[in-house]
Amino acid sequence: MRREIVQRRRWMEDPQFLSGLALAQIAPGANAVNLCVFIGTTLRGGPGALAALAGLMGLPIALVLALGAIYARFRDVPGLETVLGGMGAAAVGLNLATGWQLMRRNLRSLPHYAVMAVTAIGIGVLGWPLLPVLLAVIPVSLLLTFRKP
């Protein structure tokens, strides 16, 4: 987004874009959607925010609705469940690969790995609810991250 908004189209300067990015990251919701609404609002007010949001979300929403309709029409076709199961497995694999890359870049010490393991075991193996587990491990993780060596 930065390349398109700041460098290519020159709709904003870097400081303004970075302020919007910071705001988008602390606001609840998806960062891209928040940033999109910020840019639209900054450039054209309320109508700009609506136009930016429609531009970002319109096509994906239409695709999901179309795919849902196609699935509803053909859900009884033999083999479709197997194909969708394979697609689910591929999505899990992509998420695991992304998690592996992020883990390798961001975990710096044994305590960091311990926080990750406790989180994964608590949620994934023991089936504990996400919110209580995160409320317990996030403070520990932040302390580990910002402590002085």
C-alpha atoms as a PDB file:
ATOM      1  CA  MET A   1       0.000   0.000   0.000  1.00  0.00           C
ATOM      2  CA  ARG A   2       2.789   2.402   0.864  1.00  0.00           C
ATOM      3  CA  ARG A   3       4.423   2.073  -2.538  1.00  0.00           C
ATOM      4  CA  GLU A   4       1.134   2.777  -4.299  1.00  0.00           C
ATOM      5  CA  ILE A   5      -0.115   5.587  -2.017  1.00  0.00           C
ATOM      6  CA  VAL A   6       3.143   7.397  -1.189  1.00  0.00           C
ATOM      7  CA  GLN A   7       5.626   6.641  -3.949  1.00  0.00           C
ATOM      8  CA  ARG A   8       3.608   5.992  -7.091  1.00  0.00           C
ATOM      9  CA  ARG A   9       0.499   8.172  -6.745  1.00  0.00           C
ATOM     10  CA  ARG A  10       1.914  10.686  -4.212  1.00  0.00           C
ATOM     11  CA  TRP A  11      -1.428  11.000  -2.442  1.00  0.00           C
ATOM     12  CA  MET A  12       0.298  11.235   0.949  1.00  0.00           C
ATOM     13  CA  GLU A  13       3.698  11.915   2.409  1.00  0.00           C
ATOM     14  CA  ASP A  14       5.543   9.222   4.362  1.00  0.00           C
ATOM     15  CA  PRO A  15       4.919  10.694   7.855  1.00  0.00           C
ATOM     16  CA  GLN A  16       1.174  10.873   7.259  1.00  0.00           C
ATOM     17  CA  PHE A  17       1.076   7.326   5.880  1.00  0.00           C
ATOM     18  CA  LEU A  18       3.146   5.987   8.788  1.00  0.00           C
ATOM     19  CA  SER A  19       0.855   7.726  11.276  1.00  0.00           C
ATOM     20  CA  GLY A  20      -2.096   6.034   9.601  1.00  0.00           C
ATOM     21  CA  LEU A  21      -0.298   2.693   9.681  1.00  0.00           C
ATOM     22  CA  ALA A  22       0.409   3.070  13.405  1.00  0.00           C
ATOM     23  CA  LEU A  23      -3.221   3.974  14.029  1.00  0.00           C
ATOM     24  CA  ALA A  24      -4.373   1.016  11.909  1.00  0.00           C
ATOM     25  CA  GLN A  25      -2.212  -1.352  13.925  1.00  0.00           C
ATOM     26  CA  ILE A  26      -3.526  -0.270  17.317  1.00  0.00           C
ATOM     27  CA  ALA A  27      -7.171  -0.106  16.246  1.00  0.00           C
ATOM     28  CA  PRO A  28      -9.200  -3.320  16.481  1.00  0.00           C
ATOM     29  CA  GLY A  29      -9.654  -5.166  13.213  1.00  0.00           C
ATOM     30  CA  ALA A  30      -7.519  -6.094  10.249  1.00  0.00           C
ATOM     31  CA  ASN A  31      -4.624  -3.698   9.665  1.00  0.00           C
ATOM     32  CA  ALA A  32      -5.180  -3.502   5.904  1.00  0.00           C
ATOM     33  CA  VAL A  33      -8.845  -2.627   6.334  1.00  0.00           C
ATOM     34  CA  ASN A  34      -8.080  -0.033   9.019  1.00  0.00           C
ATOM     35  CA  LEU A  35      -5.349   1.527   6.892  1.00  0.00           C
ATOM     36  CA  CYS A  36      -7.628   1.560   3.870  1.00  0.00           C
ATOM     37  CA  VAL A  37     -10.324   3.408   5.818  1.00  0.00           C
ATOM     38  CA  PHE A  38      -7.718   5.865   7.152  1.00  0.00           C
ATOM     39  CA  ILE A  39      -6.441   6.619   3.653  1.00  0.00           C
ATOM     40  CA  GLY A  40      -9.927   7.036   2.234  1.00  0.00           C
ATOM     41  CA  THR A  41     -10.969   9.294   5.106  1.00  0.00           C
ATOM     42  CA  THR A  42      -7.825  11.382   4.827  1.00  0.00           C
ATOM     43  CA  LEU A  43      -8.169  11.873   1.090  1.00  0.00           C
ATOM     44  CA  ARG A  44     -11.947  12.298   0.675  1.00  0.00           C
ATOM     45  CA  GLY A  45     -13.647  12.134   4.074  1.00  0.00           C
ATOM     46  CA  GLY A  46     -16.568   9.769   4.703  1.00  0.00           C
ATOM     47  CA  PRO A  47     -17.287   9.028   1.034  1.00  0.00           C
ATOM     48  CA  GLY A  48     -13.581   8.307   0.525  1.00  0.00           C
ATOM     49  CA  ALA A  49     -13.596   5.838   3.407  1.00  0.00           C
ATOM     50  CA  LEU A  50     -16.619   4.058   1.945  1.00  0.00           C
ATOM     51  CA  ALA A  51     -15.076   3.998  -1.537  1.00  0.00           C
ATOM     52  CA  ALA A  52     -11.753   2.678  -0.211  1.00  0.00           C
ATOM     53  CA  LEU A  53     -13.483   0.014   1.867  1.00  0.00           C
ATOM     54  CA  ALA A  54     -15.670  -1.030  -1.065  1.00  0.00           C
ATOM     55  CA  GLY A  55     -12.615  -1.181  -3.298  1.00  0.00           C
ATOM     56  CA  LEU A  56     -10.731  -3.347  -0.835  1.00  0.00           C
ATOM     57  CA  MET A  57     -13.570  -5.635   0.221  1.00  0.00           C
ATOM     58  CA  GLY A  58     -15.982  -5.642  -2.742  1.00  0.00           C
ATOM     59  CA  LEU A  59     -14.281  -8.222  -4.947  1.00  0.00           C
ATOM     60  CA  PRO A  60     -13.382 -10.653  -2.130  1.00  0.00           C
ATOM     61  CA  ILE A  61     -16.941 -10.529  -0.776  1.00  0.00           C
ATOM     62  CA  ALA A  62     -18.372 -11.118  -4.263  1.00  0.00           C
ATOM     63  CA  LEU A  63     -15.987 -14.050  -4.774  1.00  0.00           C
ATOM     64  CA  VAL A  64     -16.909 -15.653  -1.457  1.00  0.00           C
ATOM     65  CA  LEU A  65     -20.617 -15.281  -2.194  1.00  0.00           C
ATOM     66  CA  ALA A  66     -20.174 -16.712  -5.697  1.00  0.00           C
ATOM     67  CA  LEU A  67     -18.115 -19.637  -4.427  1.00  0.00           C
ATOM     68  CA  GLY A  68     -20.709 -20.283  -1.714  1.00  0.00           C
ATOM     69  CA  ALA A  69     -23.455 -20.374  -4.327  1.00  0.00           C
ATOM     70  CA  ILE A  70     -21.408 -22.712  -6.516  1.00  0.00           C
ATOM     71  CA  TYR A  71     -20.753 -24.974  -3.538  1.00  0.00           C
ATOM     72  CA  ALA A  72     -24.451 -25.005  -2.587  1.00  0.00           C
ATOM     73  CA  ARG A  73     -25.309 -26.026  -6.143  1.00  0.00           C
ATOM     74  CA  PHE A  74     -22.693 -28.781  -6.458  1.00  0.00           C
ATOM     75  CA  ARG A  75     -22.170 -29.967  -2.868  1.00  0.00           C
ATOM     76  CA  ASP A  76     -23.546 -33.435  -3.647  1.00  0.00           C
ATOM     77  CA  VAL A  77     -21.075 -34.091  -6.474  1.00  0.00           C
ATOM     78  CA  PRO A  78     -19.024 -37.192  -5.651  1.00  0.00           C
ATOM     79  CA  GLY A  79     -15.437 -36.373  -4.764  1.00  0.00           C
ATOM     80  CA  LEU A  80     -16.025 -32.698  -3.980  1.00  0.00           C
ATOM     81  CA  GLU A  81     -15.682 -33.312  -0.246  1.00  0.00           C
ATOM     82  CA  THR A  82     -12.328 -35.008  -0.864  1.00  0.00           C
ATOM     83  CA  VAL A  83     -11.107 -32.085  -2.986  1.00  0.00           C
ATOM     84  CA  LEU A  84     -12.138 -29.569  -0.334  1.00  0.00           C
ATOM     85  CA  GLY A  85     -10.472 -31.689   2.343  1.00  0.00           C
ATOM     86  CA  GLY A  86      -7.263 -31.549   0.307  1.00  0.00           C
ATOM     87  CA  MET A  87      -7.582 -27.789   0.012  1.00  0.00           C
ATOM     88  CA  GLY A  88      -8.024 -27.586   3.785  1.00  0.00           C
ATOM     89  CA  ALA A  89      -4.872 -29.632   4.278  1.00  0.00           C
ATOM     90  CA  ALA A  90      -2.997 -27.312   1.913  1.00  0.00           C
ATOM     91  CA  ALA A  91      -4.208 -24.280   3.893  1.00  0.00           C
ATOM     92  CA  VAL A  92      -3.011 -25.885   7.129  1.00  0.00           C
ATOM     93  CA  GLY A  93       0.351 -26.549   5.492  1.00  0.00           C
ATOM     94  CA  LEU A  94       0.668 -22.929   4.369  1.00  0.00           C
ATOM     95  CA  ASN A  95      -0.171 -21.715   7.877  1.00  0.00           C
ATOM     96  CA  LEU A  96       2.398 -24.074   9.394  1.00  0.00           C
ATOM     97  CA  ALA A  97       5.063 -22.916   6.909  1.00  0.00           C
ATOM     98  CA  THR A  98       4.339 -19.279   7.716  1.00  0.00           C
ATOM     99  CA  GLY A  99       4.437 -20.027  11.441  1.00  0.00           C
ATOM    100  CA  TRP A 100       7.752 -21.848  11.024  1.00  0.00           C
ATOM    101  CA  GLN A 101       9.306 -18.892   9.182  1.00  0.00           C
ATOM    102  CA  LEU A 102       8.029 -16.404  11.756  1.00  0.00           C
ATOM    103  CA  MET A 103       9.227 -18.619  14.589  1.00  0.00           C
ATOM    104  CA  ARG A 104      12.733 -18.892  13.130  1.00  0.00           C
ATOM    105  CA  ARG A 105      12.988 -15.113  12.726  1.00  0.00           C
ATOM    106  CA  ASN A 106      11.482 -14.036  16.037  1.00  0.00           C
ATOM    107  CA  LEU A 107      12.245 -16.581  18.750  1.00  0.00           C
ATOM    108  CA  ARG A 108      15.576 -15.669  20.260  1.00  0.00           C
ATOM    109  CA  SER A 109      16.028 -17.836  23.331  1.00  0.00           C
ATOM    110  CA  LEU A 110      14.819 -20.885  25.196  1.00  0.00           C
ATOM    111  CA  PRO A 111      12.231 -18.904  27.236  1.00  0.00           C
ATOM    112  CA  HIS A 112      10.660 -17.673  23.982  1.00  0.00           C
ATOM    113  CA  TYR A 113      10.373 -21.255  22.775  1.00  0.00           C
ATOM    114  CA  ALA A 114       8.833 -22.205  26.131  1.00  0.00           C
ATOM    115  CA  VAL A 115       6.120 -19.532  25.752  1.00  0.00           C
ATOM    116  CA  MET A 116       5.393 -20.813  22.258  1.00  0.00           C
ATOM    117  CA  ALA A 117       5.245 -24.428  23.447  1.00  0.00           C
ATOM    118  CA  VAL A 118       2.979 -23.617  26.406  1.00  0.00           C
ATOM    119  CA  THR A 119       0.621 -21.711  24.085  1.00  0.00           C
ATOM    120  CA  ALA A 120       0.542 -24.462  21.464  1.00  0.00           C
ATOM    121  CA  ILE A 121       0.076 -27.256  23.991  1.00  0.00           C
ATOM    122  CA  GLY A 122      -2.525 -25.375  26.022  1.00  0.00           C
ATOM    123  CA  ILE A 123      -4.687 -24.490  23.033  1.00  0.00           C
ATOM    124  CA  GLY A 124      -3.887 -27.214  20.516  1.00  0.00           C
ATOM    125  CA  VAL A 125      -3.391 -30.286  22.697  1.00  0.00           C
ATOM    126  CA  LEU A 126      -5.252 -29.634  25.941  1.00  0.00           C
ATOM    127  CA  GLY A 127      -8.047 -27.659  24.278  1.00  0.00           C
ATOM    128  CA  TRP A 128      -7.949 -24.767  26.735  1.00  0.00           C
ATOM    129  CA  PRO A 129      -9.863 -21.640  25.647  1.00  0.00           C
ATOM    130  CA  LEU A 130      -7.810 -19.181  23.585  1.00  0.00           C
ATOM    131  CA  LEU A 131      -8.501 -16.027  25.595  1.00  0.00           C
ATOM    132  CA  PRO A 132      -7.386 -17.285  29.049  1.00  0.00           C
ATOM    133  CA  VAL A 133      -4.261 -18.860  27.571  1.00  0.00           C
ATOM    134  CA  LEU A 134      -3.341 -15.647  25.773  1.00  0.00           C
ATOM    135  CA  LEU A 135      -4.083 -13.542  28.843  1.00  0.00           C
ATOM    136  CA  ALA A 136      -1.608 -15.724  30.737  1.00  0.00           C
ATOM    137  CA  VAL A 137       1.196 -15.926  28.159  1.00  0.00           C
ATOM    138  CA  ILE A 138       1.141 -12.435  26.610  1.00  0.00           C
ATOM    139  CA  PRO A 139       2.485 -10.672  29.731  1.00  0.00           C
ATOM    140  CA  VAL A 140       5.235 -13.286  30.049  1.00  0.00           C
ATOM    141  CA  SER A 141       6.087 -12.917  26.379  1.00  0.00           C
ATOM    142  CA  LEU A 142       6.220  -9.123  26.619  1.00  0.00           C
ATOM    143  CA  LEU A 143       8.468  -9.302  29.674  1.00  0.00           C
ATOM    144  CA  LEU A 144      10.821 -11.635  27.834  1.00  0.00           C
ATOM    145  CA  THR A 145      10.825  -9.431  24.764  1.00  0.00           C
ATOM    146  CA  PHE A 146      11.487  -6.103  26.486  1.00  0.00           C
ATOM    147  CA  ARG A 147      13.735  -7.183  29.335  1.00  0.00           C
ATOM    148  CA  LYS A 148      17.248  -5.815  29.525  1.00  0.00           C
ATOM    149  CA  PRO A 149      19.909  -8.458  28.803  1.00  0.00           C
END
